[in-house]
Amino acid sequence: MRDVTYSKPKSEPNTVPLGAKLTDNEITNGLAFKLVTSSQHCTKGKADAVRNDAGKMWIEFFLEWAMFGGTLKTIMRKRGWIKVPPYYFPPGFMNK
């Protein structure tokens, strides 16, 4: 069996090239995407729950994610990290 208590090697995070590591913008948008997916799973779990105590657990999970999502959205707005998709113009709309 291998000993896992050995010391870790010294590393310099600033020596990693810029193209190899994620930016703060990419990390927070990925986190926001996972947040939306997790909240969808929580609501699906609540809808599928037969027992009241299991449904209550799913609601508590969802509320935790909602509070975290509100905080994350505030931080993303403050730092300009929110990705806004381009506006949709139906075909022929610009000609009117």
PDB file of N, CA and C in Angstrom:
ATOM      1  N   MET A   1       0.850  -1.173   0.000  1.00  0.00           N
ATOM      2  CA  MET A   1       0.000   0.000   0.000  1.00  0.00           C
ATOM      3  C   MET A   1       0.899   1.239   0.000  1.00  0.00           C
ATOM      4  N   ARG A   2       0.463   2.246  -0.709  1.00  0.00           N
ATOM      5  CA  ARG A   2       1.230   3.473  -0.842  1.00  0.00           C
ATOM      6  C   ARG A   2       0.938   4.453   0.283  1.00  0.00           C
ATOM      7  N   ASP A   3       1.953   5.122   0.738  1.00  0.00           N
ATOM      8  CA  ASP A   3       1.775   6.125   1.782  1.00  0.00           C
ATOM      9  C   ASP A   3       1.279   7.425   1.148  1.00  0.00           C
ATOM     10  N   VAL A   4       0.139   7.919   1.577  1.00  0.00           N
ATOM     11  CA  VAL A   4      -0.436   9.111   0.984  1.00  0.00           C
ATOM     12  C   VAL A   4      -0.116  10.372   1.786  1.00  0.00           C
ATOM     13  N   THR A   5       0.714  10.254   2.796  1.00  0.00           N
ATOM     14  CA  THR A   5       0.999  11.409   3.648  1.00  0.00           C
ATOM     15  C   THR A   5       2.267  12.149   3.244  1.00  0.00           C
ATOM     16  N   TYR A   6       2.861  11.796   2.099  1.00  0.00           N
ATOM     17  CA  TYR A   6       4.081  12.481   1.685  1.00  0.00           C
ATOM     18  C   TYR A   6       3.772  13.927   1.307  1.00  0.00           C
ATOM     19  N   SER A   7       4.791  14.775   1.357  1.00  0.00           N
ATOM     20  CA  SER A   7       4.578  16.195   1.083  1.00  0.00           C
ATOM     21  C   SER A   7       4.360  16.435  -0.410  1.00  0.00           C
ATOM     22  N   LYS A   8       3.591  17.436  -0.694  1.00  0.00           N
ATOM     23  CA  LYS A   8       3.278  17.776  -2.087  1.00  0.00           C
ATOM     24  C   LYS A   8       4.436  18.590  -2.680  1.00  0.00           C
ATOM     25  N   PRO A   9       4.661  18.460  -3.995  1.00  0.00           N
ATOM     26  CA  PRO A   9       5.741  19.245  -4.607  1.00  0.00           C
ATOM     27  C   PRO A   9       5.365  20.723  -4.688  1.00  0.00           C
ATOM     28  N   LYS A  10       6.359  21.569  -4.712  1.00  0.00           N
ATOM     29  CA  LYS A  10       6.139  23.015  -4.854  1.00  0.00           C
ATOM     30  C   LYS A  10       5.672  23.306  -6.277  1.00  0.00           C
ATOM     31  N   SER A  11       4.720  24.189  -6.421  1.00  0.00           N
ATOM     32  CA  SER A  11       4.225  24.541  -7.751  1.00  0.00           C
ATOM     33  C   SER A  11       3.990  26.041  -7.814  1.00  0.00           C
ATOM     34  N   GLU A  12       4.064  26.563  -9.001  1.00  0.00           N
ATOM     35  CA  GLU A  12       3.820  27.976  -9.251  1.00  0.00           C
ATOM     36  C   GLU A  12       2.603  28.120 -10.162  1.00  0.00           C
ATOM     37  N   PRO A  13       1.454  28.548  -9.645  1.00  0.00           N
ATOM     38  CA  PRO A  13       0.270  28.681 -10.490  1.00  0.00           C
ATOM     39  C   PRO A  13       0.419  29.749 -11.563  1.00  0.00           C
ATOM     40  N   ASN A  14       1.284  30.708 -11.364  1.00  0.00           N
ATOM     41  CA  ASN A  14       1.455  31.785 -12.352  1.00  0.00           C
ATOM     42  C   ASN A  14       2.265  31.342 -13.566  1.00  0.00           C
ATOM     43  N   THR A  15       2.908  30.171 -13.500  1.00  0.00           N
ATOM     44  CA  THR A  15       3.682  29.696 -14.640  1.00  0.00           C
ATOM     45  C   THR A  15       2.839  28.922 -15.641  1.00  0.00           C
ATOM     46  N   VAL A  16       1.581  28.666 -15.316  1.00  0.00           N
ATOM     47  CA  VAL A  16       0.685  27.970 -16.236  1.00  0.00           C
ATOM     48  C   VAL A  16       0.312  28.933 -17.356  1.00  0.00           C
ATOM     49  N   PRO A  17       0.432  28.525 -18.628  1.00  0.00           N
ATOM     50  CA  PRO A  17       0.092  29.436 -19.730  1.00  0.00           C
ATOM     51  C   PRO A  17      -1.379  29.828 -19.708  1.00  0.00           C
ATOM     52  N   LEU A  18      -1.677  31.022 -20.200  1.00  0.00           N
ATOM     53  CA  LEU A  18      -3.042  31.552 -20.147  1.00  0.00           C
ATOM     54  C   LEU A  18      -4.045  30.687 -20.895  1.00  0.00           C
ATOM     55  N   GLY A  19      -3.671  30.058 -21.984  1.00  0.00           N
ATOM     56  CA  GLY A  19      -4.610  29.235 -22.726  1.00  0.00           C
ATOM     57  C   GLY A  19      -4.929  27.913 -22.055  1.00  0.00           C
ATOM     58  N   ALA A  20      -4.152  27.524 -21.049  1.00  0.00           N
ATOM     59  CA  ALA A  20      -4.329  26.220 -20.403  1.00  0.00           C
ATOM     60  C   ALA A  20      -5.210  26.281 -19.171  1.00  0.00           C
ATOM     61  N   LYS A  21      -5.417  27.459 -18.601  1.00  0.00           N
ATOM     62  CA  LYS A  21      -6.252  27.545 -17.404  1.00  0.00           C
ATOM     63  C   LYS A  21      -7.496  28.369 -17.685  1.00  0.00           C
ATOM     64  N   LEU A  22      -8.554  28.075 -16.943  1.00  0.00           N
ATOM     65  CA  LEU A  22      -9.830  28.767 -17.134  1.00  0.00           C
ATOM     66  C   LEU A  22      -9.775  30.157 -16.502  1.00  0.00           C
ATOM     67  N   THR A  23     -10.458  31.088 -17.127  1.00  0.00           N
ATOM     68  CA  THR A  23     -10.570  32.426 -16.556  1.00  0.00           C
ATOM     69  C   THR A  23     -11.689  32.431 -15.511  1.00  0.00           C
ATOM     70  N   ASP A  24     -11.726  33.467 -14.691  1.00  0.00           N
ATOM     71  CA  ASP A  24     -12.790  33.591 -13.691  1.00  0.00           C
ATOM     72  C   ASP A  24     -14.158  33.647 -14.366  1.00  0.00           C
ATOM     73  N   ASN A  25     -14.219  34.304 -15.503  1.00  0.00           N
ATOM     74  CA  ASN A  25     -15.459  34.407 -16.273  1.00  0.00           C
ATOM     75  C   ASN A  25     -15.955  33.018 -16.680  1.00  0.00           C
ATOM     76  N   GLU A  26     -15.071  32.186 -17.212  1.00  0.00           N
ATOM     77  CA  GLU A  26     -15.458  30.838 -17.647  1.00  0.00           C
ATOM     78  C   GLU A  26     -15.868  29.968 -16.462  1.00  0.00           C
ATOM     79  N   ILE A  27     -15.183  30.111 -15.351  1.00  0.00           N
ATOM     80  CA  ILE A  27     -15.511  29.315 -14.158  1.00  0.00           C
ATOM     81  C   ILE A  27     -16.893  29.675 -13.636  1.00  0.00           C
ATOM     82  N   THR A  28     -17.183  30.976 -13.522  1.00  0.00           N
ATOM     83  CA  THR A  28     -18.486  31.368 -12.970  1.00  0.00           C
ATOM     84  C   THR A  28     -19.638  31.037 -13.913  1.00  0.00           C
ATOM     85  N   ASN A  29     -19.431  31.153 -15.219  1.00  0.00           N
ATOM     86  CA  ASN A  29     -20.502  30.775 -16.146  1.00  0.00           C
ATOM     87  C   ASN A  29     -20.732  29.269 -16.146  1.00  0.00           C
ATOM     88  N   GLY A  30     -19.677  28.479 -15.997  1.00  0.00           N
ATOM     89  CA  GLY A  30     -19.843  27.033 -15.856  1.00  0.00           C
ATOM     90  C   GLY A  30     -20.570  26.683 -14.569  1.00  0.00           C
ATOM     91  N   LEU A  31     -20.246  27.397 -13.502  1.00  0.00           N
ATOM     92  CA  LEU A  31     -20.917  27.182 -12.223  1.00  0.00           C
ATOM     93  C   LEU A  31     -22.391  27.561 -12.311  1.00  0.00           C
ATOM     94  N   ALA A  32     -22.690  28.648 -12.999  1.00  0.00           N
ATOM     95  CA  ALA A  32     -24.090  29.061 -13.165  1.00  0.00           C
ATOM     96  C   ALA A  32     -24.867  28.022 -13.970  1.00  0.00           C
ATOM     97  N   PHE A  33     -24.230  27.445 -15.000  1.00  0.00           N
ATOM     98  CA  PHE A  33     -24.890  26.405 -15.785  1.00  0.00           C
ATOM     99  C   PHE A  33     -25.181  25.184 -14.914  1.00  0.00           C
ATOM    100  N   LYS A  34     -24.226  24.783 -14.102  1.00  0.00           N
ATOM    101  CA  LYS A  34     -24.448  23.644 -13.203  1.00  0.00           C
ATOM    102  C   LYS A  34     -25.513  23.963 -12.167  1.00  0.00           C
ATOM    103  N   LEU A  35     -25.589  25.214 -11.752  1.00  0.00           N
ATOM    104  CA  LEU A  35     -26.603  25.644 -10.796  1.00  0.00           C
ATOM    105  C   LEU A  35     -28.005  25.489 -11.372  1.00  0.00           C
ATOM    106  N   VAL A  36     -28.185  25.892 -12.615  1.00  0.00           N
ATOM    107  CA  VAL A  36     -29.493  25.760 -13.280  1.00  0.00           C
ATOM    108  C   VAL A  36     -29.853  24.285 -13.433  1.00  0.00           C
ATOM    109  N   THR A  37     -28.896  23.478 -13.854  1.00  0.00           N
ATOM    110  CA  THR A  37     -29.146  22.045 -14.023  1.00  0.00           C
ATOM    111  C   THR A  37     -29.512  21.399 -12.691  1.00  0.00           C
ATOM    112  N   SER A  38     -28.803  21.763 -11.631  1.00  0.00           N
ATOM    113  CA  SER A  38     -29.085  21.192 -10.310  1.00  0.00           C
ATOM    114  C   SER A  38     -30.458  21.604  -9.811  1.00  0.00           C
ATOM    115  N   SER A  39     -30.843  22.845 -10.055  1.00  0.00           N
ATOM    116  CA  SER A  39     -32.165  23.270  -9.597  1.00  0.00           C
ATOM    117  C   SER A  39     -33.268  22.539 -10.357  1.00  0.00           C
ATOM    118  N   GLN A  40     -33.032  22.243 -11.639  1.00  0.00           N
ATOM    119  CA  GLN A  40     -34.003  21.460 -12.392  1.00  0.00           C
ATOM    120  C   GLN A  40     -34.129  20.049 -11.820  1.00  0.00           C
ATOM    121  N   HIS A  41     -33.011  19.470 -11.427  1.00  0.00           N
ATOM    122  CA  HIS A  41     -33.055  18.131 -10.818  1.00  0.00           C
ATOM    123  C   HIS A  41     -33.770  18.161  -9.473  1.00  0.00           C
ATOM    124  N   CYS A  42     -33.584  19.239  -8.715  1.00  0.00           N
ATOM    125  CA  CYS A  42     -34.273  19.358  -7.430  1.00  0.00           C
ATOM    126  C   CYS A  42     -35.785  19.428  -7.625  1.00  0.00           C
ATOM    127  N   THR A  43     -36.228  20.221  -8.580  1.00  0.00           N
ATOM    128  CA  THR A  43     -37.670  20.318  -8.801  1.00  0.00           C
ATOM    129  C   THR A  43     -38.242  19.016  -9.352  1.00  0.00           C
ATOM    130  N   LYS A  44     -37.474  18.312 -10.176  1.00  0.00           N
ATOM    131  CA  LYS A  44     -37.915  17.006 -10.670  1.00  0.00           C
ATOM    132  C   LYS A  44     -38.014  16.018  -9.518  1.00  0.00           C
ATOM    133  N   GLY A  45     -37.023  16.056  -8.613  1.00  0.00           N
ATOM    134  CA  GLY A  45     -37.065  15.178  -7.440  1.00  0.00           C
ATOM    135  C   GLY A  45     -38.270  15.469  -6.568  1.00  0.00           C
ATOM    136  N   LYS A  46     -38.594  16.747  -6.390  1.00  0.00           N
ATOM    137  CA  LYS A  46     -39.774  17.116  -5.597  1.00  0.00           C
ATOM    138  C   LYS A  46     -41.047  16.631  -6.271  1.00  0.00           C
ATOM    139  N   ALA A  47     -41.120  16.784  -7.588  1.00  0.00           N
ATOM    140  CA  ALA A  47     -42.323  16.357  -8.305  1.00  0.00           C
ATOM    141  C   ALA A  47     -42.500  14.841  -8.247  1.00  0.00           C
ATOM    142  N   ASP A  48     -41.395  14.102  -8.236  1.00  0.00           N
ATOM    143  CA  ASP A  48     -41.465  12.643  -8.223  1.00  0.00           C
ATOM    144  C   ASP A  48     -41.564  12.061  -6.823  1.00  0.00           C
ATOM    145  N   ALA A  49     -41.354  12.867  -5.788  1.00  0.00           N
ATOM    146  CA  ALA A  49     -41.350  12.357  -4.415  1.00  0.00           C
ATOM    147  C   ALA A  49     -42.754  11.928  -4.007  1.00  0.00           C
ATOM    148  N   VAL A  50     -42.830  10.746  -3.448  1.00  0.00           N
ATOM    149  CA  VAL A  50     -44.105  10.220  -2.972  1.00  0.00           C
ATOM    150  C   VAL A  50     -44.293  10.559  -1.494  1.00  0.00           C
ATOM    151  N   ARG A  51     -43.210  10.481  -0.760  1.00  0.00           N
ATOM    152  CA  ARG A  51     -43.270  10.766   0.677  1.00  0.00           C
ATOM    153  C   ARG A  51     -43.075  12.254   0.930  1.00  0.00           C
ATOM    154  N   ASN A  52     -43.761  12.776   1.943  1.00  0.00           N
ATOM    155  CA  ASN A  52     -43.661  14.196   2.276  1.00  0.00           C
ATOM    156  C   ASN A  52     -42.273  14.574   2.779  1.00  0.00           C
ATOM    157  N   ASP A  53     -41.642  13.700   3.578  1.00  0.00           N
ATOM    158  CA  ASP A  53     -40.324  14.044   4.111  1.00  0.00           C
ATOM    159  C   ASP A  53     -39.275  14.091   3.003  1.00  0.00           C
ATOM    160  N   ALA A  54     -39.389  13.232   2.009  1.00  0.00           N
ATOM    161  CA  ALA A  54     -38.452  13.267   0.875  1.00  0.00           C
ATOM    162  C   ALA A  54     -38.692  14.523   0.035  1.00  0.00           C
ATOM    163  N   GLY A  55     -39.949  14.882  -0.159  1.00  0.00           N
ATOM    164  CA  GLY A  55     -40.265  16.106  -0.888  1.00  0.00           C
ATOM    165  C   GLY A  55     -39.747  17.340  -0.174  1.00  0.00           C
ATOM    166  N   LYS A  56     -39.820  17.335   1.150  1.00  0.00           N
ATOM    167  CA  LYS A  56     -39.308  18.456   1.940  1.00  0.00           C
ATOM    168  C   LYS A  56     -37.800  18.578   1.778  1.00  0.00           C
ATOM    169  N   MET A  57     -37.102  17.458   1.721  1.00  0.00           N
ATOM    170  CA  MET A  57     -35.653  17.492   1.510  1.00  0.00           C
ATOM    171  C   MET A  57     -35.314  18.136   0.168  1.00  0.00           C
ATOM    172  N   TRP A  58     -36.063  17.777  -0.892  1.00  0.00           N
ATOM    173  CA  TRP A  58     -35.806  18.348  -2.215  1.00  0.00           C
ATOM    174  C   TRP A  58     -36.061  19.852  -2.223  1.00  0.00           C
ATOM    175  N   ILE A  59     -37.092  20.296  -1.507  1.00  0.00           N
ATOM    176  CA  ILE A  59     -37.377  21.724  -1.411  1.00  0.00           C
ATOM    177  C   ILE A  59     -36.244  22.446  -0.690  1.00  0.00           C
ATOM    178  N   GLU A  60     -35.705  21.834   0.371  1.00  0.00           N
ATOM    179  CA  GLU A  60     -34.593  22.445   1.088  1.00  0.00           C
ATOM    180  C   GLU A  60     -33.355  22.542   0.193  1.00  0.00           C
ATOM    181  N   PHE A  61     -33.093  21.498  -0.587  1.00  0.00           N
ATOM    182  CA  PHE A  61     -31.970  21.548  -1.530  1.00  0.00           C
ATOM    183  C   PHE A  61     -32.163  22.688  -2.529  1.00  0.00           C
ATOM    184  N   PHE A  62     -33.380  22.797  -3.038  1.00  0.00           N
ATOM    185  CA  PHE A  62     -33.670  23.839  -4.025  1.00  0.00           C
ATOM    186  C   PHE A  62     -33.493  25.234  -3.422  1.00  0.00           C
ATOM    187  N   LEU A  63     -33.943  25.432  -2.196  1.00  0.00           N
ATOM    188  CA  LEU A  63     -33.816  26.739  -1.560  1.00  0.00           C
ATOM    189  C   LEU A  63     -32.356  27.107  -1.326  1.00  0.00           C
ATOM    190  N   GLU A  64     -31.534  26.118  -0.968  1.00  0.00           N
ATOM    191  CA  GLU A  64     -30.100  26.376  -0.818  1.00  0.00           C
ATOM    192  C   GLU A  64     -29.488  26.823  -2.142  1.00  0.00           C
ATOM    193  N   TRP A  65     -29.856  26.118  -3.222  1.00  0.00           N
ATOM    194  CA  TRP A  65     -29.332  26.465  -4.547  1.00  0.00           C
ATOM    195  C   TRP A  65     -29.834  27.831  -4.975  1.00  0.00           C
ATOM    196  N   ALA A  66     -31.088  28.162  -4.639  1.00  0.00           N
ATOM    197  CA  ALA A  66     -31.644  29.463  -5.027  1.00  0.00           C
ATOM    198  C   ALA A  66     -30.923  30.593  -4.298  1.00  0.00           C
ATOM    199  N   MET A  67     -30.629  30.410  -3.023  1.00  0.00           N
ATOM    200  CA  MET A  67     -29.898  31.435  -2.278  1.00  0.00           C
ATOM    201  C   MET A  67     -28.484  31.595  -2.834  1.00  0.00           C
ATOM    202  N   PHE A  68     -27.837  30.490  -3.125  1.00  0.00           N
ATOM    203  CA  PHE A  68     -26.494  30.546  -3.705  1.00  0.00           C
ATOM    204  C   PHE A  68     -26.534  31.203  -5.083  1.00  0.00           C
ATOM    205  N   GLY A  69     -27.565  30.884  -5.872  1.00  0.00           N
ATOM    206  CA  GLY A  69     -27.715  31.461  -7.203  1.00  0.00           C
ATOM    207  C   GLY A  69     -27.915  32.964  -7.157  1.00  0.00           C
ATOM    208  N   GLY A  70     -28.664  33.448  -6.189  1.00  0.00           N
ATOM    209  CA  GLY A  70     -28.850  34.886  -6.045  1.00  0.00           C
ATOM    210  C   GLY A  70     -27.546  35.600  -5.735  1.00  0.00           C
ATOM    211  N   THR A  71     -26.757  35.006  -4.858  1.00  0.00           N
ATOM    212  CA  THR A  71     -25.454  35.577  -4.527  1.00  0.00           C
ATOM    213  C   THR A  71     -24.531  35.547  -5.736  1.00  0.00           C
ATOM    214  N   LEU A  72     -24.510  34.422  -6.454  1.00  0.00           N
ATOM    215  CA  LEU A  72     -23.655  34.289  -7.625  1.00  0.00           C
ATOM    216  C   LEU A  72     -24.041  35.297  -8.705  1.00  0.00           C
ATOM    217  N   LYS A  73     -25.329  35.489  -8.908  1.00  0.00           N
ATOM    218  CA  LYS A  73     -25.780  36.439  -9.929  1.00  0.00           C
ATOM    219  C   LYS A  73     -25.375  37.864  -9.579  1.00  0.00           C
ATOM    220  N   THR A  74     -25.455  38.210  -8.305  1.00  0.00           N
ATOM    221  CA  THR A  74     -25.029  39.538  -7.873  1.00  0.00           C
ATOM    222  C   THR A  74     -23.551  39.760  -8.136  1.00  0.00           C
ATOM    223  N   ILE A  75     -22.737  38.766  -7.816  1.00  0.00           N
ATOM    224  CA  ILE A  75     -21.290  38.871  -8.043  1.00  0.00           C
ATOM    225  C   ILE A  75     -20.988  38.941  -9.532  1.00  0.00           C
ATOM    226  N   MET A  76     -21.677  38.118 -10.325  1.00  0.00           N
ATOM    227  CA  MET A  76     -21.428  38.107 -11.774  1.00  0.00           C
ATOM    228  C   MET A  76     -21.816  39.440 -12.409  1.00  0.00           C
ATOM    229  N   ARG A  77     -22.899  40.051 -11.964  1.00  0.00           N
ATOM    230  CA  ARG A  77     -23.294  41.364 -12.496  1.00  0.00           C
ATOM    231  C   ARG A  77     -22.272  42.430 -12.115  1.00  0.00           C
ATOM    232  N   LYS A  78     -21.824  42.374 -10.860  1.00  0.00           N
ATOM    233  CA  LYS A  78     -20.874  43.365 -10.364  1.00  0.00           C
ATOM    234  C   LYS A  78     -19.562  43.326 -11.154  1.00  0.00           C
ATOM    235  N   ARG A  79     -19.136  42.151 -11.527  1.00  0.00           N
ATOM    236  CA  ARG A  79     -17.852  42.003 -12.216  1.00  0.00           C
ATOM    237  C   ARG A  79     -17.978  41.905 -13.731  1.00  0.00           C
ATOM    238  N   GLY A  80     -19.203  41.928 -14.255  1.00  0.00           N
ATOM    239  CA  GLY A  80     -19.407  41.908 -15.699  1.00  0.00           C
ATOM    240  C   GLY A  80     -19.203  40.549 -16.330  1.00  0.00           C
ATOM    241  N   TRP A  81     -19.502  39.477 -15.598  1.00  0.00           N
ATOM    242  CA  TRP A  81     -19.255  38.116 -16.089  1.00  0.00           C
ATOM    243  C   TRP A  81     -20.490  37.451 -16.666  1.00  0.00           C
ATOM    244  N   ILE A  82     -21.644  38.101 -16.623  1.00  0.00           N
ATOM    245  CA  ILE A  82     -22.865  37.464 -17.120  1.00  0.00           C
ATOM    246  C   ILE A  82     -22.825  37.444 -18.645  1.00  0.00           C
ATOM    247  N   LYS A  83     -23.056  36.270 -19.212  1.00  0.00           N
ATOM    248  CA  LYS A  83     -23.112  36.120 -20.663  1.00  0.00           C
ATOM    249  C   LYS A  83     -24.552  36.341 -21.108  1.00  0.00           C
ATOM    250  N   VAL A  84     -24.756  37.320 -21.946  1.00  0.00           N
ATOM    251  CA  VAL A  84     -26.092  37.617 -22.470  1.00  0.00           C
ATOM    252  C   VAL A  84     -26.134  37.146 -23.915  1.00  0.00           C
ATOM    253  N   PRO A  85     -27.074  36.277 -24.260  1.00  0.00           N
ATOM    254  CA  PRO A  85     -27.150  35.820 -25.651  1.00  0.00           C
ATOM    255  C   PRO A  85     -27.579  36.961 -26.564  1.00  0.00           C
ATOM    256  N   PRO A  86     -27.278  36.859 -27.834  1.00  0.00           N
ATOM    257  CA  PRO A  86     -27.688  37.926 -28.760  1.00  0.00           C
ATOM    258  C   PRO A  86     -29.213  37.963 -28.891  1.00  0.00           C
ATOM    259  N   TYR A  87     -29.726  39.141 -29.195  1.00  0.00           N
ATOM    260  CA  TYR A  87     -31.167  39.303 -29.355  1.00  0.00           C
ATOM    261  C   TYR A  87     -31.649  38.520 -30.575  1.00  0.00           C
ATOM    262  N   TYR A  88     -32.878  38.050 -30.488  1.00  0.00           N
ATOM    263  CA  TYR A  88     -33.470  37.308 -31.598  1.00  0.00           C
ATOM    264  C   TYR A  88     -34.372  38.245 -32.391  1.00  0.00           C
ATOM    265  N   PHE A  89     -34.107  38.342 -33.663  1.00  0.00           N
ATOM    266  CA  PHE A  89     -34.967  39.095 -34.568  1.00  0.00           C
ATOM    267  C   PHE A  89     -35.541  38.108 -35.576  1.00  0.00           C
ATOM    268  N   PRO A  90     -36.868  37.961 -35.622  1.00  0.00           N
ATOM    269  CA  PRO A  90     -37.462  37.031 -36.577  1.00  0.00           C
ATOM    270  C   PRO A  90     -37.143  37.437 -38.024  1.00  0.00           C
ATOM    271  N   PRO A  91     -37.172  36.478 -38.921  1.00  0.00           N
ATOM    272  CA  PRO A  91     -36.901  36.817 -40.327  1.00  0.00           C
ATOM    273  C   PRO A  91     -37.854  37.891 -40.827  1.00  0.00           C
ATOM    274  N   GLY A  92     -37.328  38.910 -41.519  1.00  0.00           N
ATOM    275  CA  GLY A  92     -38.141  39.989 -42.049  1.00  0.00           C
ATOM    276  C   GLY A  92     -38.400  41.114 -41.073  1.00  0.00           C
ATOM    277  N   PHE A  93     -37.985  40.968 -39.822  1.00  0.00           N
ATOM    278  CA  PHE A  93     -38.245  41.987 -38.809  1.00  0.00           C
ATOM    279  C   PHE A  93     -37.455  43.267 -39.087  1.00  0.00           C
ATOM    280  N   MET A  94     -36.220  43.126 -39.539  1.00  0.00           N
ATOM    281  CA  MET A  94     -35.373  44.287 -39.774  1.00  0.00           C
ATOM    282  C   MET A  94     -35.839  45.101 -40.977  1.00  0.00           C
ATOM    283  N   ASN A  95     -36.608  44.510 -41.889  1.00  0.00           N
ATOM    284  CA  ASN A  95     -37.080  45.217 -43.066  1.00  0.00           C
ATOM    285  C   ASN A  95     -38.270  46.128 -42.757  1.00  0.00           C
ATOM    286  N   LYS A  96     -38.920  45.946 -41.622  1.00  0.00           N
ATOM    287  CA  LYS A  96     -40.120  46.734 -41.294  1.00  0.00           C
ATOM    288  C   LYS A  96     -39.736  48.053 -40.691  1.00  0.00           C
TER     289      LYS A  96
END
